[in-house]
């Protein structure tokens, strides 16, 4: 089974830039999109990314945030949002939890678009509170008997291997010491970084590039898009890839592709 997570940086713009072509090339069984920034009714009439089944979780604010999960087989929606006092109703459309038929069990996919703290201090404080709520909520799935994947744009580069210029970004949101320490605690709680496990410790590859300073052309990026697995899902890992070409054409992020063996 192929799982693809991708921050599309606005799905309507991504469609105009060739999203359909890339989805057809990647051929996912489950497609988890972040930052869709649209309501489903705003898509081109009849548009589907080669899949019929979908759950759409837009933000209440137009043109902002939002997630969507697609699949080529019927699946079950478990819920949206998490138990958080910061955004109890998930008004920013940041989490979708779905369950998919897989081999002789079910695969849970939690599609997450973690808040950014780069705009102002208020949002950084919001982000830090939100991720603590996420850590507490996500711990319930680590010992789950069924495989669970936590996927999406987590807006944090965990280690110095996950960012091109660590020394120059130590005081930048997304690479702050407290954010990286939180990520370590998340992994210690029972989650496994599938891409890093597969490729090993090396510099990069990255999944997001700034629009400034020829960052894309020079591959000066950050790895902030992840697929994390609980213990039940970990043995199923077959392959992992970041399709950088997609980041250069459709979005400022590249899709992360994980194959699971049935």
C-alpha atoms as a PDB file:
ATOM      1  CA  UNK A   1       0.000   0.000   0.000  1.00  0.00           C
ATOM      2  CA  UNK A   2       1.287   3.443  -0.922  1.00  0.00           C
ATOM      3  CA  UNK A   3       0.686   6.397   1.410  1.00  0.00           C
ATOM      4  CA  UNK A   4       1.508   9.910   0.226  1.00  0.00           C
ATOM      5  CA  UNK A   5       1.466  13.030   2.378  1.00  0.00           C
ATOM      6  CA  UNK A   6       1.820  16.423   0.731  1.00  0.00           C
ATOM      7  CA  UNK A   7       1.404  20.049   1.724  1.00  0.00           C
ATOM      8  CA  UNK A   8       0.042  21.452  -1.539  1.00  0.00           C
ATOM      9  CA  UNK A   9       0.210  25.144  -0.520  1.00  0.00           C
ATOM     10  CA  UNK A  10      -3.287  25.830  -1.838  1.00  0.00           C
ATOM     11  CA  UNK A  11      -5.023  23.052  -3.737  1.00  0.00           C
ATOM     12  CA  UNK A  12      -6.573  25.268  -6.399  1.00  0.00           C
ATOM     13  CA  UNK A  13      -3.171  26.674  -7.357  1.00  0.00           C
ATOM     14  CA  UNK A  14      -1.683  23.153  -7.177  1.00  0.00           C
ATOM     15  CA  UNK A  15      -4.294  21.875  -9.628  1.00  0.00           C
ATOM     16  CA  UNK A  16      -3.394  24.650 -12.071  1.00  0.00           C
ATOM     17  CA  UNK A  17       0.291  23.706 -11.731  1.00  0.00           C
ATOM     18  CA  UNK A  18      -0.257  20.042 -12.575  1.00  0.00           C
ATOM     19  CA  UNK A  19      -1.213  18.303  -9.336  1.00  0.00           C
ATOM     20  CA  UNK A  20      -3.237  15.691 -11.247  1.00  0.00           C
ATOM     21  CA  UNK A  21      -0.246  14.651 -13.324  1.00  0.00           C
ATOM     22  CA  UNK A  22       1.939  14.147 -10.270  1.00  0.00           C
ATOM     23  CA  UNK A  23      -0.722  12.219  -8.368  1.00  0.00           C
ATOM     24  CA  UNK A  24      -1.175   9.945 -11.388  1.00  0.00           C
ATOM     25  CA  UNK A  25       2.581   9.399 -11.541  1.00  0.00           C
ATOM     26  CA  UNK A  26       2.921   8.675  -7.825  1.00  0.00           C
ATOM     27  CA  UNK A  27      -0.198   6.431  -7.784  1.00  0.00           C
ATOM     28  CA  UNK A  28      -1.073   6.570  -4.079  1.00  0.00           C
ATOM     29  CA  UNK A  29      -3.608   4.319  -2.396  1.00  0.00           C
ATOM     30  CA  UNK A  30      -4.067   6.960   0.299  1.00  0.00           C
ATOM     31  CA  UNK A  31      -3.371  10.655  -0.303  1.00  0.00           C
ATOM     32  CA  UNK A  32      -3.138  13.024   2.668  1.00  0.00           C
ATOM     33  CA  UNK A  33      -3.085  16.713   1.776  1.00  0.00           C
ATOM     34  CA  UNK A  34      -2.354  19.693   3.996  1.00  0.00           C
ATOM     35  CA  UNK A  35      -2.839  23.436   3.537  1.00  0.00           C
ATOM     36  CA  UNK A  36      -5.598  22.926   0.997  1.00  0.00           C
ATOM     37  CA  UNK A  37      -6.852  26.473   1.697  1.00  0.00           C
ATOM     38  CA  UNK A  38     -10.238  25.877   0.093  1.00  0.00           C
ATOM     39  CA  UNK A  39     -13.669  24.443   0.628  1.00  0.00           C
ATOM     40  CA  UNK A  40     -14.530  21.342  -1.360  1.00  0.00           C
ATOM     41  CA  UNK A  41     -17.161  23.230  -3.359  1.00  0.00           C
ATOM     42  CA  UNK A  42     -14.461  25.639  -4.552  1.00  0.00           C
ATOM     43  CA  UNK A  43     -12.670  22.916  -6.515  1.00  0.00           C
ATOM     44  CA  UNK A  44     -13.174  22.634 -10.269  1.00  0.00           C
ATOM     45  CA  UNK A  45     -16.485  20.911 -10.912  1.00  0.00           C
ATOM     46  CA  UNK A  46     -16.094  17.125 -10.780  1.00  0.00           C
ATOM     47  CA  UNK A  47     -12.403  17.279  -9.854  1.00  0.00           C
ATOM     48  CA  UNK A  48     -10.914  14.211  -8.210  1.00  0.00           C
ATOM     49  CA  UNK A  49      -7.238  13.197  -7.890  1.00  0.00           C
ATOM     50  CA  UNK A  50      -7.933   9.799  -9.465  1.00  0.00           C
ATOM     51  CA  UNK A  51      -9.742   8.677  -6.300  1.00  0.00           C
ATOM     52  CA  UNK A  52     -13.389   8.656  -5.304  1.00  0.00           C
ATOM     53  CA  UNK A  53     -13.335   8.501  -1.497  1.00  0.00           C
ATOM     54  CA  UNK A  54     -12.575  11.655   0.461  1.00  0.00           C
ATOM     55  CA  UNK A  55     -12.883  13.459   3.772  1.00  0.00           C
ATOM     56  CA  UNK A  56     -12.512  17.219   3.631  1.00  0.00           C
ATOM     57  CA  UNK A  57     -11.678  19.325   6.702  1.00  0.00           C
ATOM     58  CA  UNK A  58     -11.350  22.987   5.699  1.00  0.00           C
ATOM     59  CA  UNK A  59     -10.588  25.828   8.076  1.00  0.00           C
ATOM     60  CA  UNK A  60     -13.455  28.118   8.957  1.00  0.00           C
ATOM     61  CA  UNK A  61     -11.359  31.037   7.709  1.00  0.00           C
ATOM     62  CA  UNK A  62     -11.443  31.226   3.923  1.00  0.00           C
ATOM     63  CA  UNK A  63      -8.160  30.634   2.087  1.00  0.00           C
ATOM     64  CA  UNK A  64      -6.411  29.295   5.189  1.00  0.00           C
ATOM     65  CA  UNK A  65      -5.008  25.983   6.440  1.00  0.00           C
ATOM     66  CA  UNK A  66      -7.216  22.884   6.022  1.00  0.00           C
ATOM     67  CA  UNK A  67      -6.649  19.185   5.337  1.00  0.00           C
ATOM     68  CA  UNK A  68      -8.110  16.538   3.047  1.00  0.00           C
ATOM     69  CA  UNK A  69      -7.724  12.774   2.849  1.00  0.00           C
ATOM     70  CA  UNK A  70      -8.382  10.793  -0.318  1.00  0.00           C
ATOM     71  CA  UNK A  71      -8.275   7.034  -1.003  1.00  0.00           C
ATOM     72  CA  UNK A  72      -9.018   4.654  -3.837  1.00  0.00           C
ATOM     73  CA  UNK A  73     -11.013   2.353  -1.542  1.00  0.00           C
ATOM     74  CA  UNK A  74     -13.873   3.033   0.834  1.00  0.00           C
ATOM     75  CA  UNK A  75     -12.702   3.982   4.322  1.00  0.00           C
ATOM     76  CA  UNK A  76     -14.071   5.135   7.665  1.00  0.00           C
ATOM     77  CA  UNK A  77     -13.739   8.601   9.144  1.00  0.00           C
ATOM     78  CA  UNK A  78     -12.866   8.300  12.840  1.00  0.00           C
ATOM     79  CA  UNK A  79     -12.801  11.988  13.662  1.00  0.00           C
ATOM     80  CA  UNK A  80     -11.470  15.481  13.110  1.00  0.00           C
ATOM     81  CA  UNK A  81      -9.357  17.521  15.496  1.00  0.00           C
ATOM     82  CA  UNK A  82      -8.093  16.400  18.871  1.00  0.00           C
ATOM     83  CA  UNK A  83      -8.867  17.024  22.518  1.00  0.00           C
ATOM     84  CA  UNK A  84      -7.397  20.511  22.758  1.00  0.00           C
ATOM     85  CA  UNK A  85      -8.582  23.530  24.695  1.00  0.00           C
ATOM     86  CA  UNK A  86      -6.792  25.732  22.139  1.00  0.00           C
ATOM     87  CA  UNK A  87      -9.021  24.737  19.218  1.00  0.00           C
ATOM     88  CA  UNK A  88     -11.634  22.322  20.513  1.00  0.00           C
ATOM     89  CA  UNK A  89     -13.664  22.368  17.301  1.00  0.00           C
ATOM     90  CA  UNK A  90     -10.599  22.223  15.014  1.00  0.00           C
ATOM     91  CA  UNK A  91     -11.667  25.497  13.435  1.00  0.00           C
ATOM     92  CA  UNK A  92      -8.365  25.606  11.508  1.00  0.00           C
ATOM     93  CA  UNK A  93      -8.983  22.177   9.932  1.00  0.00           C
ATOM     94  CA  UNK A  94      -5.712  20.642  11.097  1.00  0.00           C
ATOM     95  CA  UNK A  95      -6.469  16.958  11.816  1.00  0.00           C
ATOM     96  CA  UNK A  96      -8.331  14.142  10.069  1.00  0.00           C
ATOM     97  CA  UNK A  97      -8.278  10.592  11.486  1.00  0.00           C
ATOM     98  CA  UNK A  98      -9.342   7.842   9.089  1.00  0.00           C
ATOM     99  CA  UNK A  99      -9.267   4.031   9.086  1.00  0.00           C
ATOM    100  CA  UNK A 100      -8.546   2.048   5.906  1.00  0.00           C
ATOM    101  CA  UNK A 101      -8.802  -1.662   5.056  1.00  0.00           C
ATOM    102  CA  UNK A 102      -5.314  -3.130   4.872  1.00  0.00           C
ATOM    103  CA  UNK A 103      -4.362  -6.801   4.524  1.00  0.00           C
ATOM    104  CA  UNK A 104      -6.144  -8.631   7.364  1.00  0.00           C
ATOM    105  CA  UNK A 105      -6.332  -5.582   9.622  1.00  0.00           C
ATOM    106  CA  UNK A 106      -7.045  -1.836   9.414  1.00  0.00           C
ATOM    107  CA  UNK A 107      -4.599   0.998   8.908  1.00  0.00           C
ATOM    108  CA  UNK A 108      -5.203   4.256  10.762  1.00  0.00           C
ATOM    109  CA  UNK A 109      -3.975   7.458   9.087  1.00  0.00           C
ATOM    110  CA  UNK A 110      -3.878  10.675  11.068  1.00  0.00           C
ATOM    111  CA  UNK A 111      -3.492  13.585   8.676  1.00  0.00           C
ATOM    112  CA  UNK A 112      -1.939  16.596  10.465  1.00  0.00           C
ATOM    113  CA  UNK A 113      -1.084  20.158   9.538  1.00  0.00           C
ATOM    114  CA  UNK A 114       0.763  21.533  12.530  1.00  0.00           C
ATOM    115  CA  UNK A 115       0.575  25.319  13.101  1.00  0.00           C
ATOM    116  CA  UNK A 116       3.417  27.561  12.035  1.00  0.00           C
ATOM    117  CA  UNK A 117       4.933  30.004  14.488  1.00  0.00           C
ATOM    118  CA  UNK A 118       6.839  32.076  11.968  1.00  0.00           C
ATOM    119  CA  UNK A 119       4.403  34.973  11.639  1.00  0.00           C
ATOM    120  CA  UNK A 120       4.481  36.442  15.148  1.00  0.00           C
ATOM    121  CA  UNK A 121       5.170  35.583  18.775  1.00  0.00           C
ATOM    122  CA  UNK A 122       1.493  34.995  19.509  1.00  0.00           C
ATOM    123  CA  UNK A 123       1.349  32.211  16.933  1.00  0.00           C
ATOM    124  CA  UNK A 124       4.596  30.668  18.194  1.00  0.00           C
ATOM    125  CA  UNK A 125       3.095  30.431  21.677  1.00  0.00           C
ATOM    126  CA  UNK A 126      -0.050  28.944  20.162  1.00  0.00           C
ATOM    127  CA  UNK A 127       2.056  26.411  18.267  1.00  0.00           C
ATOM    128  CA  UNK A 128       3.931  25.355  21.391  1.00  0.00           C
ATOM    129  CA  UNK A 129       0.704  24.839  23.305  1.00  0.00           C
ATOM    130  CA  UNK A 130      -0.834  22.960  20.370  1.00  0.00           C
ATOM    131  CA  UNK A 131       2.050  20.512  20.052  1.00  0.00           C
ATOM    132  CA  UNK A 132       1.876  19.668  23.758  1.00  0.00           C
ATOM    133  CA  UNK A 133      -1.797  18.809  23.305  1.00  0.00           C
ATOM    134  CA  UNK A 134      -0.879  16.760  20.247  1.00  0.00           C
ATOM    135  CA  UNK A 135       1.764  14.809  22.162  1.00  0.00           C
ATOM    136  CA  UNK A 136      -0.706  13.927  24.908  1.00  0.00           C
ATOM    137  CA  UNK A 137      -3.423  12.980  22.418  1.00  0.00           C
ATOM    138  CA  UNK A 138      -1.147  10.947  20.131  1.00  0.00           C
ATOM    139  CA  UNK A 139       0.193   8.775  22.951  1.00  0.00           C
ATOM    140  CA  UNK A 140      -3.045   6.802  22.993  1.00  0.00           C
ATOM    141  CA  UNK A 141      -2.160   5.334  19.583  1.00  0.00           C
ATOM    142  CA  UNK A 142       1.411   4.189  20.246  1.00  0.00           C
ATOM    143  CA  UNK A 143       0.346   0.864  21.798  1.00  0.00           C
ATOM    144  CA  UNK A 144      -2.623   0.395  19.491  1.00  0.00           C
ATOM    145  CA  UNK A 145      -2.988  -3.191  18.212  1.00  0.00           C
ATOM    146  CA  UNK A 146      -3.668  -1.909  14.700  1.00  0.00           C
ATOM    147  CA  UNK A 147      -1.067  -0.004  12.638  1.00  0.00           C
ATOM    148  CA  UNK A 148      -1.272   3.772  12.974  1.00  0.00           C
ATOM    149  CA  UNK A 149       0.495   6.421  10.890  1.00  0.00           C
ATOM    150  CA  UNK A 150       0.811  10.046  11.915  1.00  0.00           C
ATOM    151  CA  UNK A 151       1.394  11.941   8.674  1.00  0.00           C
ATOM    152  CA  UNK A 152       1.776  15.479   7.494  1.00  0.00           C
ATOM    153  CA  UNK A 153       3.458  18.837   7.694  1.00  0.00           C
ATOM    154  CA  UNK A 154       4.722  19.052  11.279  1.00  0.00           C
ATOM    155  CA  UNK A 155       6.483  22.397  10.706  1.00  0.00           C
ATOM    156  CA  UNK A 156       9.555  21.316  12.702  1.00  0.00           C
ATOM    157  CA  UNK A 157      12.951  20.134  11.470  1.00  0.00           C
ATOM    158  CA  UNK A 158      13.965  17.636  14.121  1.00  0.00           C
ATOM    159  CA  UNK A 159      17.745  17.357  13.809  1.00  0.00           C
ATOM    160  CA  UNK A 160      20.612  19.165  12.114  1.00  0.00           C
ATOM    161  CA  UNK A 161      20.394  16.592   9.317  1.00  0.00           C
ATOM    162  CA  UNK A 162      16.864  17.834   8.599  1.00  0.00           C
ATOM    163  CA  UNK A 163      17.855  21.397   7.724  1.00  0.00           C
ATOM    164  CA  UNK A 164      20.422  22.817   5.320  1.00  0.00           C
ATOM    165  CA  UNK A 165      21.673  25.605   7.597  1.00  0.00           C
ATOM    166  CA  UNK A 166      21.201  24.593  11.249  1.00  0.00           C
ATOM    167  CA  UNK A 167      23.548  27.188  12.741  1.00  0.00           C
ATOM    168  CA  UNK A 168      21.815  30.043  10.949  1.00  0.00           C
ATOM    169  CA  UNK A 169      18.336  28.915  12.015  1.00  0.00           C
ATOM    170  CA  UNK A 170      18.760  28.159  15.721  1.00  0.00           C
ATOM    171  CA  UNK A 171      16.466  31.048  16.578  1.00  0.00           C
ATOM    172  CA  UNK A 172      14.003  30.443  13.731  1.00  0.00           C
ATOM    173  CA  UNK A 173      10.543  29.006  14.324  1.00  0.00           C
ATOM    174  CA  UNK A 174      10.557  25.409  13.175  1.00  0.00           C
ATOM    175  CA  UNK A 175      14.069  24.777  14.494  1.00  0.00           C
ATOM    176  CA  UNK A 176      13.894  26.248  17.981  1.00  0.00           C
ATOM    177  CA  UNK A 177      15.465  24.163  20.769  1.00  0.00           C
ATOM    178  CA  UNK A 178      12.122  23.646  22.516  1.00  0.00           C
ATOM    179  CA  UNK A 179      10.497  22.481  19.276  1.00  0.00           C
ATOM    180  CA  UNK A 180      13.265  19.986  18.556  1.00  0.00           C
ATOM    181  CA  UNK A 181      13.122  18.749  22.163  1.00  0.00           C
ATOM    182  CA  UNK A 182       9.369  18.268  21.778  1.00  0.00           C
ATOM    183  CA  UNK A 183       9.958  16.206  18.638  1.00  0.00           C
ATOM    184  CA  UNK A 184      12.413  14.004  20.533  1.00  0.00           C
ATOM    185  CA  UNK A 185       9.778  13.462  23.221  1.00  0.00           C
ATOM    186  CA  UNK A 186       7.223  12.575  20.567  1.00  0.00           C
ATOM    187  CA  UNK A 187       9.503   9.865  19.169  1.00  0.00           C
ATOM    188  CA  UNK A 188      10.404   8.650  22.666  1.00  0.00           C
ATOM    189  CA  UNK A 189       6.701   8.199  23.405  1.00  0.00           C
ATOM    190  CA  UNK A 190       6.527   5.414  20.822  1.00  0.00           C
ATOM    191  CA  UNK A 191       6.498   6.950  17.337  1.00  0.00           C
ATOM    192  CA  UNK A 192       9.040   6.048  14.628  1.00  0.00           C
ATOM    193  CA  UNK A 193      10.242   8.342  11.810  1.00  0.00           C
ATOM    194  CA  UNK A 194       9.857   5.998   8.834  1.00  0.00           C
ATOM    195  CA  UNK A 195      11.760   8.085   6.319  1.00  0.00           C
ATOM    196  CA  UNK A 196      14.794   8.530   8.559  1.00  0.00           C
ATOM    197  CA  UNK A 197      14.737   4.849   9.478  1.00  0.00           C
ATOM    198  CA  UNK A 198      14.802   3.906   5.805  1.00  0.00           C
ATOM    199  CA  UNK A 199      17.456   6.340   4.534  1.00  0.00           C
ATOM    200  CA  UNK A 200      19.599   6.466   7.670  1.00  0.00           C
ATOM    201  CA  UNK A 201      21.370   9.437   9.213  1.00  0.00           C
ATOM    202  CA  UNK A 202      22.502  11.745   6.442  1.00  0.00           C
ATOM    203  CA  UNK A 203      22.148  15.382   5.464  1.00  0.00           C
ATOM    204  CA  UNK A 204      18.659  15.699   3.982  1.00  0.00           C
ATOM    205  CA  UNK A 205      16.898  15.048   1.755  1.00  0.00           C
ATOM    206  CA  UNK A 206      14.491  17.899   2.360  1.00  0.00           C
ATOM    207  CA  UNK A 207      10.764  18.341   1.820  1.00  0.00           C
ATOM    208  CA  UNK A 208      10.308  22.136   1.888  1.00  0.00           C
ATOM    209  CA  UNK A 209      12.218  25.050   0.364  1.00  0.00           C
ATOM    210  CA  UNK A 210      11.891  28.787   0.854  1.00  0.00           C
ATOM    211  CA  UNK A 211      11.024  30.937  -2.125  1.00  0.00           C
ATOM    212  CA  UNK A 212      13.989  33.157  -1.293  1.00  0.00           C
ATOM    213  CA  UNK A 213      17.658  33.034  -2.202  1.00  0.00           C
ATOM    214  CA  UNK A 214      17.385  30.295  -4.846  1.00  0.00           C
ATOM    215  CA  UNK A 215      16.762  27.796  -2.037  1.00  0.00           C
ATOM    216  CA  UNK A 216      15.005  25.339  -4.350  1.00  0.00           C
ATOM    217  CA  UNK A 217      17.579  25.479  -7.116  1.00  0.00           C
ATOM    218  CA  UNK A 218      20.420  25.048  -4.611  1.00  0.00           C
ATOM    219  CA  UNK A 219      18.492  22.453  -2.549  1.00  0.00           C
ATOM    220  CA  UNK A 220      18.779  24.496   0.628  1.00  0.00           C
ATOM    221  CA  UNK A 221      15.737  23.130   2.388  1.00  0.00           C
ATOM    222  CA  UNK A 222      14.126  21.750   5.506  1.00  0.00           C
ATOM    223  CA  UNK A 223      12.608  18.332   6.186  1.00  0.00           C
ATOM    224  CA  UNK A 224       9.378  19.187   7.973  1.00  0.00           C
ATOM    225  CA  UNK A 225       6.993  16.649   6.391  1.00  0.00           C
ATOM    226  CA  UNK A 226       6.851  13.244   8.051  1.00  0.00           C
ATOM    227  CA  UNK A 227       5.239   9.840   8.290  1.00  0.00           C
ATOM    228  CA  UNK A 228       5.538   8.513  11.832  1.00  0.00           C
ATOM    229  CA  UNK A 229       4.503   4.969  12.716  1.00  0.00           C
ATOM    230  CA  UNK A 230       3.470   3.208  15.886  1.00  0.00           C
ATOM    231  CA  UNK A 231       5.045  -0.149  16.796  1.00  0.00           C
ATOM    232  CA  UNK A 232       2.369  -2.123  14.939  1.00  0.00           C
ATOM    233  CA  UNK A 233       3.032  -0.274  11.664  1.00  0.00           C
ATOM    234  CA  UNK A 234       6.830  -0.209  11.864  1.00  0.00           C
ATOM    235  CA  UNK A 235       7.494  -3.762  10.545  1.00  0.00           C
ATOM    236  CA  UNK A 236       5.390  -3.033   7.454  1.00  0.00           C
ATOM    237  CA  UNK A 237       7.774  -0.395   6.062  1.00  0.00           C
ATOM    238  CA  UNK A 238       8.955  -1.351   2.560  1.00  0.00           C
ATOM    239  CA  UNK A 239      10.270   1.910   1.057  1.00  0.00           C
ATOM    240  CA  UNK A 240      10.379   5.664   1.576  1.00  0.00           C
ATOM    241  CA  UNK A 241      10.970   8.552  -0.828  1.00  0.00           C
ATOM    242  CA  UNK A 242      10.701  12.320  -1.036  1.00  0.00           C
ATOM    243  CA  UNK A 243       9.779  13.344  -4.572  1.00  0.00           C
ATOM    244  CA  UNK A 244      11.651  16.627  -4.795  1.00  0.00           C
ATOM    245  CA  UNK A 245      10.435  17.294  -8.317  1.00  0.00           C
ATOM    246  CA  UNK A 246       6.928  17.800  -6.995  1.00  0.00           C
ATOM    247  CA  UNK A 247       8.150  20.458  -4.613  1.00  0.00           C
ATOM    248  CA  UNK A 248       9.727  22.345  -7.473  1.00  0.00           C
ATOM    249  CA  UNK A 249       6.645  22.327  -9.691  1.00  0.00           C
ATOM    250  CA  UNK A 250       3.372  22.049  -7.776  1.00  0.00           C
ATOM    251  CA  UNK A 251       4.110  23.348  -4.284  1.00  0.00           C
ATOM    252  CA  UNK A 252       6.885  24.637  -2.064  1.00  0.00           C
ATOM    253  CA  UNK A 253       6.732  21.189  -0.400  1.00  0.00           C
ATOM    254  CA  UNK A 254       7.548  17.831  -1.936  1.00  0.00           C
ATOM    255  CA  UNK A 255       5.374  14.750  -1.414  1.00  0.00           C
ATOM    256  CA  UNK A 256       6.608  12.131   1.034  1.00  0.00           C
ATOM    257  CA  UNK A 257       5.931   8.619  -0.268  1.00  0.00           C
ATOM    258  CA  UNK A 258       5.802   5.570   1.993  1.00  0.00           C
ATOM    259  CA  UNK A 259       5.163   2.018   0.787  1.00  0.00           C
ATOM    260  CA  UNK A 260       3.900  -0.576   3.243  1.00  0.00           C
ATOM    261  CA  UNK A 261       4.144  -4.310   2.655  1.00  0.00           C
ATOM    262  CA  UNK A 262       0.914  -6.219   3.174  1.00  0.00           C
END
